[in-house]
Amino acid sequence: MHKYGPVIKMLSLVTQIGITMLTSVFLCMAIGLWIDKHFSTNLFLLFLILGIMGGIRGVYSLIHNILEQEDMEEKDER
């Protein structure tokens, strides 16, 4: 099981990235559609762009934290 550790770790990272991106985009899309439906506005595109930007920010933060943890683990091994 130990030899598959890095593969499982990368697979979980890819899954987390996908879920983070999709969740923020779909949540903002749903909010934009709901606002458009109830208030007769055209804010869907704005909320879609905000969702994409939020997803990118979330993915960046996730990757940044993972890289910091790996750097700390390397320093501890030395």
C-alpha atoms as a PDB file:
ATOM      1  CA  MET A   1       0.000   0.000   0.000  1.00  0.00           C
ATOM      2  CA  HIS A   2       2.892   2.344   0.705  1.00  0.00           C
ATOM      3  CA  LYS A   3       4.119   2.316  -2.896  1.00  0.00           C
ATOM      4  CA  TYR A   4       0.755   3.684  -4.082  1.00  0.00           C
ATOM      5  CA  GLY A   5       0.774   6.547  -1.572  1.00  0.00           C
ATOM      6  CA  PRO A   6       1.880   9.307  -3.984  1.00  0.00           C
ATOM      7  CA  VAL A   7      -0.598   8.166  -6.631  1.00  0.00           C
ATOM      8  CA  ILE A   8      -3.488   8.219  -4.174  1.00  0.00           C
ATOM      9  CA  LYS A   9      -2.359  11.605  -2.866  1.00  0.00           C
ATOM     10  CA  MET A  10      -2.314  13.128  -6.371  1.00  0.00           C
ATOM     11  CA  LEU A  11      -5.669  11.538  -7.234  1.00  0.00           C
ATOM     12  CA  SER A  12      -7.234  13.053  -4.132  1.00  0.00           C
ATOM     13  CA  LEU A  13      -5.714  16.447  -4.999  1.00  0.00           C
ATOM     14  CA  VAL A  14      -7.199  16.347  -8.502  1.00  0.00           C
ATOM     15  CA  THR A  15     -10.570  15.385  -7.016  1.00  0.00           C
ATOM     16  CA  GLN A  16     -10.423  18.246  -4.510  1.00  0.00           C
ATOM     17  CA  ILE A  17      -9.529  20.716  -7.254  1.00  0.00           C
ATOM     18  CA  GLY A  18     -12.468  19.598  -9.376  1.00  0.00           C
ATOM     19  CA  ILE A  19     -14.942  19.705  -6.510  1.00  0.00           C
ATOM     20  CA  THR A  20     -13.710  23.123  -5.383  1.00  0.00           C
ATOM     21  CA  MET A  21     -14.041  24.618  -8.861  1.00  0.00           C
ATOM     22  CA  LEU A  22     -17.409  23.057  -9.671  1.00  0.00           C
ATOM     23  CA  THR A  23     -18.955  23.907  -6.323  1.00  0.00           C
ATOM     24  CA  SER A  24     -18.140  27.592  -6.487  1.00  0.00           C
ATOM     25  CA  VAL A  25     -19.203  27.929 -10.137  1.00  0.00           C
ATOM     26  CA  PHE A  26     -22.491  26.057  -9.737  1.00  0.00           C
ATOM     27  CA  LEU A  27     -23.349  27.792  -6.469  1.00  0.00           C
ATOM     28  CA  CYS A  28     -22.844  31.233  -7.983  1.00  0.00           C
ATOM     29  CA  MET A  29     -24.762  30.187 -11.107  1.00  0.00           C
ATOM     30  CA  ALA A  30     -27.680  29.061  -8.960  1.00  0.00           C
ATOM     31  CA  ILE A  31     -27.658  32.330  -7.033  1.00  0.00           C
ATOM     32  CA  GLY A  32     -27.537  34.306 -10.286  1.00  0.00           C
ATOM     33  CA  LEU A  33     -30.422  32.333 -11.776  1.00  0.00           C
ATOM     34  CA  TRP A  34     -32.469  32.721  -8.613  1.00  0.00           C
ATOM     35  CA  ILE A  35     -31.923  36.487  -8.533  1.00  0.00           C
ATOM     36  CA  ASP A  36     -32.769  36.752 -12.245  1.00  0.00           C
ATOM     37  CA  LYS A  37     -35.966  34.753 -11.744  1.00  0.00           C
ATOM     38  CA  HIS A  38     -37.232  36.607  -8.672  1.00  0.00           C
ATOM     39  CA  PHE A  39     -36.166  40.172  -9.462  1.00  0.00           C
ATOM     40  CA  SER A  40     -36.194  40.187 -13.298  1.00  0.00           C
ATOM     41  CA  THR A  41     -32.569  41.271 -13.592  1.00  0.00           C
ATOM     42  CA  ASN A  42     -29.711  40.187 -15.837  1.00  0.00           C
ATOM     43  CA  LEU A  43     -27.087  39.336 -13.226  1.00  0.00           C
ATOM     44  CA  PHE A  44     -26.482  35.717 -14.265  1.00  0.00           C
ATOM     45  CA  LEU A  45     -23.309  36.516 -16.211  1.00  0.00           C
ATOM     46  CA  LEU A  46     -21.923  38.582 -13.329  1.00  0.00           C
ATOM     47  CA  PHE A  47     -22.471  35.750 -10.865  1.00  0.00           C
ATOM     48  CA  LEU A  48     -21.017  33.232 -13.322  1.00  0.00           C
ATOM     49  CA  ILE A  49     -17.846  35.319 -13.596  1.00  0.00           C
ATOM     50  CA  LEU A  50     -17.721  35.686  -9.806  1.00  0.00           C
ATOM     51  CA  GLY A  51     -18.079  31.907  -9.462  1.00  0.00           C
ATOM     52  CA  ILE A  52     -15.238  31.267 -11.887  1.00  0.00           C
ATOM     53  CA  MET A  53     -13.012  33.787 -10.112  1.00  0.00           C
ATOM     54  CA  GLY A  54     -13.922  32.292  -6.737  1.00  0.00           C
ATOM     55  CA  GLY A  55     -13.160  28.810  -8.028  1.00  0.00           C
ATOM     56  CA  ILE A  56      -9.775  29.902  -9.310  1.00  0.00           C
ATOM     57  CA  ARG A  57      -9.044  31.535  -5.961  1.00  0.00           C
ATOM     58  CA  GLY A  58     -10.081  28.385  -4.100  1.00  0.00           C
ATOM     59  CA  VAL A  59      -7.952  26.139  -6.312  1.00  0.00           C
ATOM     60  CA  TYR A  60      -4.965  28.473  -5.937  1.00  0.00           C
ATOM     61  CA  SER A  61      -5.357  28.457  -2.162  1.00  0.00           C
ATOM     62  CA  LEU A  62      -5.675  24.669  -2.093  1.00  0.00           C
ATOM     63  CA  ILE A  63      -2.547  24.125  -4.194  1.00  0.00           C
ATOM     64  CA  HIS A  64      -0.617  26.743  -2.211  1.00  0.00           C
ATOM     65  CA  ASN A  65      -1.447  24.996   1.075  1.00  0.00           C
ATOM     66  CA  ILE A  66      -0.474  21.582  -0.318  1.00  0.00           C
ATOM     67  CA  LEU A  67       2.884  22.915  -1.530  1.00  0.00           C
ATOM     68  CA  GLU A  68       3.583  24.545   1.845  1.00  0.00           C
ATOM     69  CA  GLN A  69       2.835  21.259   3.621  1.00  0.00           C
ATOM     70  CA  GLU A  70       5.211  19.388   1.316  1.00  0.00           C
ATOM     71  CA  ASP A  71       7.949  21.956   1.948  1.00  0.00           C
ATOM     72  CA  MET A  72       7.512  21.586   5.698  1.00  0.00           C
ATOM     73  CA  GLU A  73       7.622  17.776   5.398  1.00  0.00           C
ATOM     74  CA  GLU A  74      10.860  17.996   3.395  1.00  0.00           C
ATOM     75  CA  LYS A  75      12.405  20.261   6.022  1.00  0.00           C
ATOM     76  CA  ASP A  76      11.373  17.856   8.785  1.00  0.00           C
ATOM     77  CA  GLU A  77      12.972  14.935   6.942  1.00  0.00           C
ATOM     78  CA  ARG A  78      16.328  16.733   6.762  1.00  0.00           C
END
